[in-house]
C-alpha cells in the first residue's frame, strides 16, 4: 500500500514536467485540481484502520526507486505528448502511433540483441520466451 500511495506523486510530477517541456503555465485552478486529485488518490490508498497493524513502511532505497519511477513515468507520458504535438502535429494520429510503436519495438529489439549470444540460432528463440 505504501508504494501505491507514493506513486500517486506521478500526478503532480506530470504537471511539472508538462510545464517544463511545453513552457505553458497552468492556471491556479488546474494546479488546485491536480493537488486535489493527488490528495484524493493518496487518501484512497492510505490504510483505513491503523489498529489492525497496517502501517506505512518503506525503506530509503524504496523511496528512491519510487521517486525515480514517478519522474521517469511522468517524463515518458509528456514525451509521448511532445511527439504527438511537436513532431507529428501535421500527421494523422495513426501515423504517430505507428511511429511510436516502431521506435519502441526497435529499442526493445536492440536491448534483446545486446543480451543474447548471436552465435547460435537457438538464441533467437529466446525472443519469444518469457
Foldseek 3Di string as FASTA:
>chain_A
DLLQLLLLCLLVLLVVVLCVVVVDDDDPVVVVVSVVSSVVSNVVPDDPDCVVVDDNDDDPVRNVVSVVVSNVVSNVVSVLVCLCVPVNVVPDVVVSVVVVVVVVVVVVVVVLVVPFDPPDPVRVVCVPPD
